[in-house]
Amino acid sequence: MRKLVYYVAVSLDGYIAGPAGEFDFYPLDAEMVAWINGECPDFVPSQVRPHAGIAVDEPSKRFDTVLMGRGTYEPALSENVTSPYAHMRQYVISNTLGAIDDPQVEVVASDPVELVRRLKAEAGGDIWLCGGGKLAGALLDEIDEMILKSYPVVAGGGISAFSGAFNPTLFTPTERREFGNGAQVTWFSRA
C-alpha cells in the first residue's frame, strides 16, 4: 500500500510559513541544497529543476502524487505556474479555488481523507503531502511518515505545521541528518 508522507520545512517553534505565507526566512546553504536536489529530486518544483541540474522529464524516485492545500499552491499560481510539480499527479484541496485551466492539476473540494484513502488503495508510488497546516491537520490520521526539515530559526508566528483538533499522535524518529547551516532533516514513522 502507498504511504502518505508529510515532507515540510519547519521553524523551531513549529511554523511552516510566516503569517502571509513567507518561507524565505529559512537559512539555506549549498550543502543542503545539493543534498535535496540529489537525494530528494521529487520535491523540487518543475520550474526549478533545470536550474538544479535535474532534467524536467526525470522520473520520480519515490513519489508520483502530490497533495497541496490552496495556500501551498497559490505561490506558484501567483507566478503563472499552474503545474508546479509536472512530474507528478497533482491535487489541490480547496473549497474556494475553483477550476484550474491545467489538465495536470485536479482541484478537489471534497473530503481529503476520502481522497487519500482512495489514492492509497491504487497502485503507484508514495503520496507527498506538501502542505499546508490545515490540510496536514485534517489528514493527521492518514499520515504514515513525516520528513521534517527543521531550521534553526524562530518564526514567532505564522502557519503552523498542523492546525486542527487536539489529537496527540505518536511518531518515532528513524533517521536524522544534520547540515552545516544548523538545519536537520528527520524522518519519522507512525509509532
N, C-alpha and C. Protein backbone atom coordinates (compact mmCIF):
# COMPACT_ATOMS: atom_id res chain seq x y z
N MET A 1 0.84 -1.18 0.00
CA MET A 1 0.00 0.00 0.00
C MET A 1 0.89 1.25 0.00
N ARG A 2 0.44 2.24 -0.71
CA ARG A 2 1.16 3.50 -0.79
C ARG A 2 1.11 4.22 0.56
N LYS A 3 2.13 5.03 0.82
CA LYS A 3 2.18 5.81 2.05
C LYS A 3 1.90 7.27 1.76
N LEU A 4 1.28 7.93 2.75
CA LEU A 4 1.15 9.38 2.73
C LEU A 4 2.29 9.93 3.58
N VAL A 5 3.13 10.76 2.96
CA VAL A 5 4.33 11.28 3.62
C VAL A 5 4.26 12.80 3.64
N TYR A 6 4.33 13.37 4.83
CA TYR A 6 4.34 14.82 5.01
C TYR A 6 5.79 15.27 5.05
N TYR A 7 6.23 15.91 3.97
CA TYR A 7 7.59 16.46 3.86
C TYR A 7 7.45 17.96 3.86
N VAL A 8 8.05 18.61 4.87
CA VAL A 8 7.84 20.04 5.01
C VAL A 8 8.99 20.67 5.80
N ALA A 9 9.23 21.93 5.54
CA ALA A 9 10.19 22.71 6.33
C ALA A 9 9.46 23.30 7.53
N VAL A 10 10.15 23.37 8.66
CA VAL A 10 9.52 23.87 9.87
C VAL A 10 10.53 24.66 10.70
N SER A 11 10.06 25.73 11.33
CA SER A 11 10.89 26.52 12.23
C SER A 11 10.96 25.83 13.59
N LEU A 12 11.84 26.33 14.46
CA LEU A 12 11.96 25.75 15.79
C LEU A 12 10.65 25.83 16.58
N ASP A 13 9.84 26.84 16.29
CA ASP A 13 8.58 26.99 17.01
C ASP A 13 7.39 26.41 16.24
N GLY A 14 7.65 25.56 15.24
CA GLY A 14 6.61 24.77 14.61
C GLY A 14 5.84 25.41 13.46
N TYR A 15 6.42 26.46 12.85
CA TYR A 15 5.74 27.12 11.73
C TYR A 15 6.35 26.71 10.41
N ILE A 16 5.47 26.50 9.41
CA ILE A 16 5.94 26.14 8.07
C ILE A 16 6.04 27.36 7.17
N ALA A 17 5.41 28.45 7.58
CA ALA A 17 5.45 29.70 6.82
C ALA A 17 5.08 30.84 7.76
N GLY A 18 5.39 32.03 7.32
CA GLY A 18 5.01 33.21 8.09
C GLY A 18 3.53 33.52 7.93
N PRO A 19 3.06 34.58 8.60
CA PRO A 19 1.64 34.92 8.58
C PRO A 19 1.08 35.18 7.18
N ALA A 20 1.91 35.67 6.27
CA ALA A 20 1.47 35.94 4.90
C ALA A 20 1.97 34.87 3.93
N GLY A 21 2.36 33.71 4.46
CA GLY A 21 2.85 32.63 3.62
C GLY A 21 4.34 32.68 3.32
N GLU A 22 5.06 33.57 3.98
CA GLU A 22 6.51 33.70 3.73
C GLU A 22 7.23 32.40 4.09
N PHE A 23 8.20 32.04 3.26
CA PHE A 23 9.04 30.89 3.58
C PHE A 23 10.50 31.17 3.25
N ASP A 24 10.82 32.43 2.99
CA ASP A 24 12.18 32.80 2.62
C ASP A 24 13.08 33.09 3.82
N PHE A 25 12.62 32.84 5.03
CA PHE A 25 13.42 33.10 6.22
C PHE A 25 14.23 31.90 6.68
N TYR A 26 14.09 30.77 5.98
CA TYR A 26 14.86 29.58 6.33
C TYR A 26 16.30 29.73 5.81
N PRO A 27 17.29 29.52 6.68
CA PRO A 27 18.69 29.67 6.24
C PRO A 27 19.15 28.44 5.44
N LEU A 28 19.33 28.62 4.15
CA LEU A 28 19.82 27.54 3.28
C LEU A 28 21.32 27.67 3.09
N ASP A 29 21.93 26.56 2.75
CA ASP A 29 23.34 26.61 2.34
C ASP A 29 23.54 25.62 1.20
N ALA A 30 24.67 25.73 0.54
CA ALA A 30 24.93 24.94 -0.66
C ALA A 30 24.89 23.44 -0.38
N GLU A 31 25.41 23.02 0.77
CA GLU A 31 25.43 21.59 1.12
C GLU A 31 24.01 21.03 1.18
N MET A 32 23.12 21.76 1.84
CA MET A 32 21.76 21.27 1.99
C MET A 32 21.01 21.28 0.66
N VAL A 33 21.18 22.33 -0.13
CA VAL A 33 20.52 22.40 -1.43
C VAL A 33 21.00 21.26 -2.32
N ALA A 34 22.31 20.98 -2.33
CA ALA A 34 22.84 19.89 -3.14
C ALA A 34 22.27 18.54 -2.68
N TRP A 35 22.14 18.37 -1.37
CA TRP A 35 21.58 17.13 -0.85
C TRP A 35 20.13 16.97 -1.28
N ILE A 36 19.33 18.03 -1.12
CA ILE A 36 17.92 17.96 -1.51
C ILE A 36 17.79 17.64 -2.99
N ASN A 37 18.56 18.34 -3.83
CA ASN A 37 18.49 18.12 -5.28
C ASN A 37 18.93 16.71 -5.66
N GLY A 38 19.93 16.18 -4.96
CA GLY A 38 20.45 14.85 -5.30
C GLY A 38 19.65 13.71 -4.72
N GLU A 39 19.26 13.84 -3.46
CA GLU A 39 18.59 12.75 -2.76
C GLU A 39 17.06 12.82 -2.82
N CYS A 40 16.53 14.02 -3.00
CA CYS A 40 15.08 14.20 -2.96
C CYS A 40 14.58 15.00 -4.16
N PRO A 41 14.95 14.62 -5.38
CA PRO A 41 14.55 15.43 -6.54
C PRO A 41 13.03 15.48 -6.76
N ASP A 42 12.30 14.51 -6.21
CA ASP A 42 10.85 14.52 -6.36
C ASP A 42 10.25 15.80 -5.81
N PHE A 43 10.88 16.38 -4.79
CA PHE A 43 10.34 17.56 -4.11
C PHE A 43 10.74 18.87 -4.77
N VAL A 44 11.54 18.81 -5.81
CA VAL A 44 12.00 20.03 -6.50
C VAL A 44 10.96 20.43 -7.55
N PRO A 45 10.43 21.66 -7.45
CA PRO A 45 9.41 22.10 -8.42
C PRO A 45 9.92 22.04 -9.86
N SER A 46 9.00 21.80 -10.77
CA SER A 46 9.34 21.65 -12.19
C SER A 46 10.12 22.83 -12.74
N GLN A 47 9.71 24.06 -12.40
CA GLN A 47 10.37 25.23 -12.95
C GLN A 47 11.77 25.45 -12.37
N VAL A 48 12.09 24.79 -11.24
CA VAL A 48 13.40 24.92 -10.61
C VAL A 48 14.35 23.82 -11.08
N ARG A 49 13.80 22.71 -11.53
CA ARG A 49 14.61 21.53 -11.88
C ARG A 49 15.76 21.83 -12.85
N PRO A 50 15.55 22.56 -13.95
CA PRO A 50 16.68 22.82 -14.84
C PRO A 50 17.82 23.60 -14.16
N HIS A 51 17.47 24.52 -13.26
CA HIS A 51 18.48 25.30 -12.54
C HIS A 51 19.21 24.47 -11.49
N ALA A 52 18.60 23.36 -11.08
CA ALA A 52 19.18 22.47 -10.08
C ALA A 52 19.92 21.30 -10.72
N GLY A 53 20.01 21.29 -12.04
CA GLY A 53 20.69 20.20 -12.73
C GLY A 53 19.86 18.93 -12.81
N ILE A 54 18.55 19.06 -12.68
CA ILE A 54 17.64 17.91 -12.75
C ILE A 54 16.85 18.04 -14.04
N ALA A 55 16.84 17.00 -14.83
CA ALA A 55 16.08 17.02 -16.08
C ALA A 55 14.60 17.17 -15.77
N VAL A 56 13.92 18.00 -16.52
CA VAL A 56 12.49 18.24 -16.31
C VAL A 56 11.71 16.94 -16.41
N ASP A 57 12.14 16.05 -17.31
CA ASP A 57 11.42 14.79 -17.51
C ASP A 57 12.00 13.63 -16.70
N GLU A 58 12.92 13.92 -15.76
CA GLU A 58 13.47 12.85 -14.94
C GLU A 58 12.35 12.23 -14.11
N PRO A 59 12.22 10.91 -14.17
CA PRO A 59 11.13 10.28 -13.43
C PRO A 59 11.34 10.41 -11.91
N SER A 60 10.25 10.39 -11.20
CA SER A 60 10.30 10.47 -9.75
C SER A 60 10.94 9.21 -9.17
N LYS A 61 11.64 9.38 -8.06
CA LYS A 61 12.29 8.25 -7.40
C LYS A 61 11.32 7.48 -6.51
N ARG A 62 10.52 8.21 -5.75
CA ARG A 62 9.65 7.56 -4.76
C ARG A 62 8.19 8.00 -4.86
N PHE A 63 7.96 9.25 -5.16
CA PHE A 63 6.62 9.82 -5.12
C PHE A 63 6.10 10.04 -6.54
N ASP A 64 4.81 9.75 -6.73
CA ASP A 64 4.21 10.04 -8.04
C ASP A 64 2.97 10.91 -7.92
N THR A 65 2.64 11.31 -6.68
CA THR A 65 1.45 12.11 -6.43
C THR A 65 1.77 13.14 -5.35
N VAL A 66 1.24 14.35 -5.52
CA VAL A 66 1.42 15.41 -4.52
C VAL A 66 0.07 16.01 -4.18
N LEU A 67 -0.14 16.27 -2.89
CA LEU A 67 -1.34 16.94 -2.39
C LEU A 67 -0.94 18.28 -1.81
N MET A 68 -1.70 19.32 -2.13
CA MET A 68 -1.43 20.66 -1.63
C MET A 68 -2.74 21.31 -1.22
N GLY A 69 -2.68 22.12 -0.19
CA GLY A 69 -3.79 22.99 0.12
C GLY A 69 -3.68 24.23 -0.77
N ARG A 70 -4.72 25.05 -0.76
CA ARG A 70 -4.73 26.25 -1.59
C ARG A 70 -3.57 27.19 -1.27
N GLY A 71 -3.30 27.39 0.01
CA GLY A 71 -2.22 28.29 0.41
C GLY A 71 -0.85 27.82 -0.05
N THR A 72 -0.67 26.51 -0.15
CA THR A 72 0.60 25.96 -0.65
C THR A 72 0.71 26.11 -2.16
N TYR A 73 -0.42 26.01 -2.83
CA TYR A 73 -0.45 26.09 -4.30
C TYR A 73 -0.36 27.53 -4.80
N GLU A 74 -0.90 28.46 -4.08
CA GLU A 74 -1.02 29.84 -4.57
C GLU A 74 0.30 30.55 -4.90
N PRO A 75 1.42 30.33 -4.19
CA PRO A 75 2.66 30.99 -4.62
C PRO A 75 3.03 30.66 -6.07
N ALA A 76 2.86 29.41 -6.47
CA ALA A 76 3.15 29.05 -7.87
C ALA A 76 2.14 29.73 -8.80
N LEU A 77 0.88 29.68 -8.43
CA LEU A 77 -0.17 30.27 -9.25
C LEU A 77 0.05 31.77 -9.42
N SER A 78 0.54 32.44 -8.38
CA SER A 78 0.80 33.89 -8.48
C SER A 78 1.92 34.21 -9.45
N GLU A 79 2.74 33.20 -9.77
CA GLU A 79 3.82 33.35 -10.76
C GLU A 79 3.40 32.77 -12.11
N ASN A 80 2.11 32.53 -12.29
CA ASN A 80 1.54 31.94 -13.52
C ASN A 80 2.04 30.53 -13.78
N VAL A 81 2.41 29.82 -12.72
CA VAL A 81 2.80 28.41 -12.82
C VAL A 81 1.60 27.61 -12.32
N THR A 82 0.89 27.00 -13.25
CA THR A 82 -0.30 26.23 -12.86
C THR A 82 0.04 24.79 -12.50
N SER A 83 1.20 24.30 -12.93
CA SER A 83 1.60 22.91 -12.67
C SER A 83 2.99 22.89 -12.04
N PRO A 84 3.07 23.16 -10.73
CA PRO A 84 4.39 23.27 -10.11
C PRO A 84 5.16 21.95 -9.99
N TYR A 85 4.48 20.84 -10.04
CA TYR A 85 5.14 19.53 -9.95
C TYR A 85 4.66 18.66 -11.11
N ALA A 86 5.00 19.07 -12.32
CA ALA A 86 4.52 18.39 -13.53
C ALA A 86 4.98 16.94 -13.62
N HIS A 87 5.99 16.57 -12.86
CA HIS A 87 6.49 15.20 -12.87
C HIS A 87 5.66 14.27 -11.96
N MET A 88 4.57 14.81 -11.37
CA MET A 88 3.70 14.02 -10.50
C MET A 88 2.23 14.33 -10.80
N ARG A 89 1.34 13.45 -10.33
CA ARG A 89 -0.09 13.77 -10.30
C ARG A 89 -0.27 14.82 -9.21
N GLN A 90 -1.04 15.87 -9.51
CA GLN A 90 -1.16 16.98 -8.58
C GLN A 90 -2.61 17.20 -8.19
N TYR A 91 -2.85 17.26 -6.89
CA TYR A 91 -4.18 17.54 -6.36
C TYR A 91 -4.08 18.76 -5.45
N VAL A 92 -4.98 19.72 -5.65
CA VAL A 92 -5.09 20.88 -4.78
C VAL A 92 -6.41 20.74 -4.04
N ILE A 93 -6.34 20.70 -2.72
CA ILE A 93 -7.53 20.55 -1.90
C ILE A 93 -8.03 21.93 -1.53
N SER A 94 -9.20 22.31 -2.04
CA SER A 94 -9.73 23.64 -1.78
C SER A 94 -11.23 23.69 -2.06
N ASN A 95 -11.96 24.34 -1.18
CA ASN A 95 -13.39 24.58 -1.39
C ASN A 95 -13.64 25.91 -2.08
N THR A 96 -12.59 26.73 -2.22
CA THR A 96 -12.77 28.09 -2.71
C THR A 96 -12.00 28.41 -3.99
N LEU A 97 -11.11 27.55 -4.42
CA LEU A 97 -10.24 27.88 -5.56
C LEU A 97 -10.96 27.84 -6.89
N GLY A 98 -11.83 26.92 -7.10
CA GLY A 98 -12.46 26.78 -8.41
C GLY A 98 -11.57 25.96 -9.33
N ALA A 99 -11.97 25.82 -10.57
CA ALA A 99 -11.24 25.00 -11.53
C ALA A 99 -9.95 25.69 -11.97
N ILE A 100 -8.95 24.89 -12.27
CA ILE A 100 -7.67 25.37 -12.80
C ILE A 100 -7.60 24.93 -14.26
N ASP A 101 -7.19 25.83 -15.12
CA ASP A 101 -7.11 25.52 -16.55
C ASP A 101 -5.79 24.82 -16.86
N ASP A 102 -5.61 23.65 -16.26
CA ASP A 102 -4.42 22.84 -16.49
C ASP A 102 -4.81 21.39 -16.25
N PRO A 103 -4.72 20.54 -17.26
CA PRO A 103 -5.15 19.14 -17.10
C PRO A 103 -4.28 18.35 -16.13
N GLN A 104 -3.10 18.87 -15.76
CA GLN A 104 -2.23 18.15 -14.83
C GLN A 104 -2.57 18.41 -13.37
N VAL A 105 -3.49 19.34 -13.11
CA VAL A 105 -3.83 19.71 -11.74
C VAL A 105 -5.32 19.49 -11.53
N GLU A 106 -5.65 18.73 -10.51
CA GLU A 106 -7.06 18.49 -10.18
C GLU A 106 -7.38 19.18 -8.86
N VAL A 107 -8.37 20.05 -8.88
CA VAL A 107 -8.84 20.70 -7.66
C VAL A 107 -9.91 19.81 -7.05
N VAL A 108 -9.75 19.51 -5.77
CA VAL A 108 -10.67 18.61 -5.06
C VAL A 108 -11.32 19.41 -3.93
N ALA A 109 -12.62 19.53 -3.99
CA ALA A 109 -13.37 20.27 -2.97
C ALA A 109 -13.99 19.35 -1.94
N SER A 110 -13.87 18.04 -2.13
CA SER A 110 -14.49 17.09 -1.21
C SER A 110 -13.52 16.72 -0.08
N ASP A 111 -13.92 15.78 0.73
CA ASP A 111 -13.17 15.35 1.91
C ASP A 111 -11.78 14.83 1.52
N PRO A 112 -10.71 15.45 2.04
CA PRO A 112 -9.36 14.98 1.69
C PRO A 112 -9.05 13.59 2.23
N VAL A 113 -9.70 13.18 3.32
CA VAL A 113 -9.46 11.84 3.86
C VAL A 113 -9.93 10.79 2.86
N GLU A 114 -11.09 10.98 2.28
CA GLU A 114 -11.59 10.04 1.28
C GLU A 114 -10.64 9.97 0.08
N LEU A 115 -10.15 11.14 -0.36
CA LEU A 115 -9.20 11.17 -1.48
C LEU A 115 -7.95 10.37 -1.15
N VAL A 116 -7.37 10.60 0.03
CA VAL A 116 -6.14 9.91 0.40
C VAL A 116 -6.37 8.41 0.50
N ARG A 117 -7.46 8.00 1.07
CA ARG A 117 -7.74 6.56 1.17
C ARG A 117 -7.88 5.93 -0.21
N ARG A 118 -8.52 6.64 -1.12
CA ARG A 118 -8.65 6.13 -2.50
C ARG A 118 -7.29 6.04 -3.16
N LEU A 119 -6.47 7.09 -3.00
CA LEU A 119 -5.14 7.09 -3.61
C LEU A 119 -4.24 6.01 -3.03
N LYS A 120 -4.33 5.80 -1.72
CA LYS A 120 -3.52 4.75 -1.09
C LYS A 120 -3.87 3.36 -1.63
N ALA A 121 -5.12 3.15 -1.99
CA ALA A 121 -5.56 1.85 -2.48
C ALA A 121 -5.12 1.59 -3.92
N GLU A 122 -4.73 2.64 -4.63
CA GLU A 122 -4.27 2.49 -6.02
C GLU A 122 -2.81 2.01 -6.05
N ALA A 123 -2.43 1.46 -7.17
CA ALA A 123 -1.02 1.11 -7.39
C ALA A 123 -0.24 2.38 -7.67
N GLY A 124 1.02 2.38 -7.31
CA GLY A 124 1.86 3.53 -7.62
C GLY A 124 2.85 3.84 -6.52
N GLY A 125 3.53 4.97 -6.69
CA GLY A 125 4.50 5.42 -5.70
C GLY A 125 3.80 6.07 -4.52
N ASP A 126 4.62 6.53 -3.58
CA ASP A 126 4.05 7.16 -2.40
C ASP A 126 3.47 8.53 -2.73
N ILE A 127 2.71 9.07 -1.78
CA ILE A 127 1.96 10.32 -1.94
C ILE A 127 2.61 11.36 -1.04
N TRP A 128 2.98 12.48 -1.61
CA TRP A 128 3.61 13.56 -0.86
C TRP A 128 2.56 14.56 -0.43
N LEU A 129 2.45 14.77 0.87
CA LEU A 129 1.64 15.84 1.41
C LEU A 129 2.57 17.05 1.53
N CYS A 130 2.39 17.99 0.63
CA CYS A 130 3.26 19.15 0.51
C CYS A 130 2.90 20.23 1.53
N GLY A 131 1.68 20.30 1.93
CA GLY A 131 1.22 21.31 2.88
C GLY A 131 -0.15 21.77 2.48
N GLY A 132 -0.73 22.60 3.26
CA GLY A 132 -0.27 23.29 4.43
C GLY A 132 -0.78 22.68 5.72
N GLY A 133 -0.72 23.51 6.75
CA GLY A 133 -1.01 23.08 8.10
C GLY A 133 -2.44 22.63 8.32
N LYS A 134 -3.41 23.30 7.70
CA LYS A 134 -4.81 22.88 7.85
C LYS A 134 -5.02 21.51 7.21
N LEU A 135 -4.46 21.33 6.02
CA LEU A 135 -4.60 20.05 5.33
C LEU A 135 -3.88 18.95 6.11
N ALA A 136 -2.70 19.24 6.64
CA ALA A 136 -1.97 18.25 7.44
C ALA A 136 -2.76 17.89 8.69
N GLY A 137 -3.39 18.87 9.32
CA GLY A 137 -4.22 18.59 10.48
C GLY A 137 -5.40 17.70 10.14
N ALA A 138 -6.03 17.97 9.00
CA ALA A 138 -7.17 17.16 8.56
C ALA A 138 -6.76 15.74 8.21
N LEU A 139 -5.51 15.57 7.76
CA LEU A 139 -5.03 14.26 7.31
C LEU A 139 -4.13 13.55 8.33
N LEU A 140 -4.02 14.09 9.54
CA LEU A 140 -3.09 13.53 10.52
C LEU A 140 -3.25 12.03 10.70
N ASP A 141 -4.47 11.54 10.79
CA ASP A 141 -4.67 10.11 10.99
C ASP A 141 -4.27 9.27 9.79
N GLU A 142 -4.07 9.89 8.64
CA GLU A 142 -3.68 9.17 7.42
C GLU A 142 -2.18 9.26 7.14
N ILE A 143 -1.46 10.12 7.86
CA ILE A 143 -0.02 10.30 7.61
C ILE A 143 0.74 9.10 8.14
N ASP A 144 1.50 8.45 7.26
CA ASP A 144 2.27 7.27 7.62
C ASP A 144 3.70 7.61 8.00
N GLU A 145 4.20 8.70 7.44
CA GLU A 145 5.60 9.07 7.64
C GLU A 145 5.70 10.59 7.53
N MET A 146 6.67 11.15 8.25
CA MET A 146 6.97 12.58 8.12
C MET A 146 8.46 12.74 7.87
N ILE A 147 8.78 13.70 7.03
CA ILE A 147 10.16 14.11 6.81
C ILE A 147 10.18 15.60 7.09
N LEU A 148 10.75 15.97 8.23
CA LEU A 148 10.76 17.37 8.64
C LEU A 148 12.14 17.96 8.46
N LYS A 149 12.19 19.05 7.71
CA LYS A 149 13.40 19.86 7.61
C LYS A 149 13.28 20.93 8.68
N SER A 150 14.00 20.77 9.80
CA SER A 150 13.93 21.70 10.92
C SER A 150 15.07 22.71 10.79
N TYR A 151 14.70 23.98 10.74
CA TYR A 151 15.69 25.03 10.60
C TYR A 151 15.90 25.75 11.91
N PRO A 152 17.13 26.21 12.20
CA PRO A 152 17.42 26.87 13.47
C PRO A 152 16.98 28.33 13.47
N VAL A 153 15.68 28.53 13.32
CA VAL A 153 15.13 29.87 13.30
C VAL A 153 13.77 29.84 14.00
N VAL A 154 13.50 30.88 14.77
CA VAL A 154 12.20 31.03 15.40
C VAL A 154 11.39 32.01 14.55
N ALA A 155 10.24 31.60 14.09
CA ALA A 155 9.39 32.45 13.26
C ALA A 155 8.57 33.43 14.10
N GLY A 156 8.11 32.98 15.26
CA GLY A 156 7.33 33.85 16.12
C GLY A 156 5.85 33.91 15.80
N GLY A 157 5.44 33.35 14.70
CA GLY A 157 4.04 33.33 14.30
C GLY A 157 3.95 32.87 12.86
N GLY A 158 2.74 32.56 12.44
CA GLY A 158 2.56 32.15 11.05
C GLY A 158 1.65 30.96 10.92
N ILE A 159 1.96 30.13 9.94
CA ILE A 159 1.16 28.95 9.64
C ILE A 159 1.79 27.75 10.33
N SER A 160 1.04 27.14 11.22
CA SER A 160 1.52 26.00 11.99
C SER A 160 1.66 24.77 11.09
N ALA A 161 2.59 23.90 11.44
CA ALA A 161 2.76 22.65 10.68
C ALA A 161 1.51 21.80 10.70
N PHE A 162 0.76 21.88 11.79
CA PHE A 162 -0.51 21.19 11.93
C PHE A 162 -1.49 22.13 12.60
N SER A 163 -2.67 22.26 12.04
CA SER A 163 -3.71 23.00 12.75
C SER A 163 -5.00 22.21 12.63
N GLY A 164 -5.73 22.20 13.71
CA GLY A 164 -6.97 21.45 13.76
C GLY A 164 -7.26 21.05 15.18
N ALA A 165 -7.98 19.97 15.33
CA ALA A 165 -8.39 19.49 16.65
C ALA A 165 -7.20 18.93 17.42
N PHE A 166 -7.30 18.99 18.74
CA PHE A 166 -6.30 18.38 19.62
C PHE A 166 -6.33 16.87 19.37
N ASN A 167 -5.19 16.33 18.92
CA ASN A 167 -5.14 14.92 18.54
C ASN A 167 -3.71 14.40 18.69
N PRO A 168 -3.23 14.19 19.94
CA PRO A 168 -1.87 13.70 20.12
C PRO A 168 -1.64 12.40 19.35
N THR A 169 -0.61 12.39 18.52
CA THR A 169 -0.32 11.25 17.65
C THR A 169 1.18 10.99 17.71
N LEU A 170 1.56 9.79 18.09
CA LEU A 170 2.97 9.46 18.26
C LEU A 170 3.62 9.04 16.95
N PHE A 171 4.83 9.56 16.74
CA PHE A 171 5.69 9.16 15.63
C PHE A 171 7.05 8.83 16.22
N THR A 172 7.78 7.94 15.58
CA THR A 172 9.09 7.51 16.03
C THR A 172 10.15 8.00 15.06
N PRO A 173 11.17 8.70 15.56
CA PRO A 173 12.26 9.10 14.65
C PRO A 173 13.03 7.88 14.18
N THR A 174 13.31 7.83 12.87
CA THR A 174 14.01 6.67 12.32
C THR A 174 15.37 7.03 11.72
N GLU A 175 15.56 8.31 11.41
CA GLU A 175 16.83 8.75 10.80
C GLU A 175 16.93 10.26 10.96
N ARG A 176 18.18 10.75 11.03
CA ARG A 176 18.38 12.20 11.12
C ARG A 176 19.68 12.55 10.40
N ARG A 177 19.64 13.68 9.74
CA ARG A 177 20.83 14.20 9.06
C ARG A 177 20.96 15.67 9.39
N GLU A 178 22.18 16.10 9.72
CA GLU A 178 22.44 17.50 10.06
C GLU A 178 23.27 18.15 8.97
N PHE A 179 23.09 19.47 8.84
CA PHE A 179 23.81 20.24 7.84
C PHE A 179 24.56 21.38 8.49
N GLY A 180 25.52 21.93 7.77
CA GLY A 180 26.38 22.99 8.28
C GLY A 180 25.65 24.26 8.66
N ASN A 181 24.47 24.47 8.13
CA ASN A 181 23.70 25.66 8.46
C ASN A 181 22.88 25.48 9.73
N GLY A 182 23.04 24.34 10.40
CA GLY A 182 22.31 24.07 11.63
C GLY A 182 20.97 23.39 11.42
N ALA A 183 20.57 23.21 10.17
CA ALA A 183 19.30 22.54 9.88
C ALA A 183 19.46 21.03 10.04
N GLN A 184 18.34 20.38 10.31
CA GLN A 184 18.30 18.93 10.42
C GLN A 184 17.12 18.41 9.59
N VAL A 185 17.32 17.27 8.98
CA VAL A 185 16.22 16.56 8.34
C VAL A 185 16.02 15.30 9.17
N THR A 186 14.79 15.12 9.64
CA THR A 186 14.47 13.97 10.47
C THR A 186 13.30 13.21 9.84
N TRP A 187 13.48 11.90 9.76
CA TRP A 187 12.44 11.02 9.24
C TRP A 187 11.71 10.42 10.43
N PHE A 188 10.39 10.41 10.37
CA PHE A 188 9.55 9.84 11.43
C PHE A 188 8.58 8.84 10.81
N SER A 189 8.36 7.74 11.50
CA SER A 189 7.32 6.78 11.11
C SER A 189 6.26 6.77 12.18
N ARG A 190 5.03 6.50 11.78
CA ARG A 190 3.94 6.40 12.75
C ARG A 190 4.29 5.34 13.77
N ALA A 191 4.15 5.69 15.06
CA ALA A 191 4.52 4.76 16.13
C ALA A 191 3.51 3.62 16.22
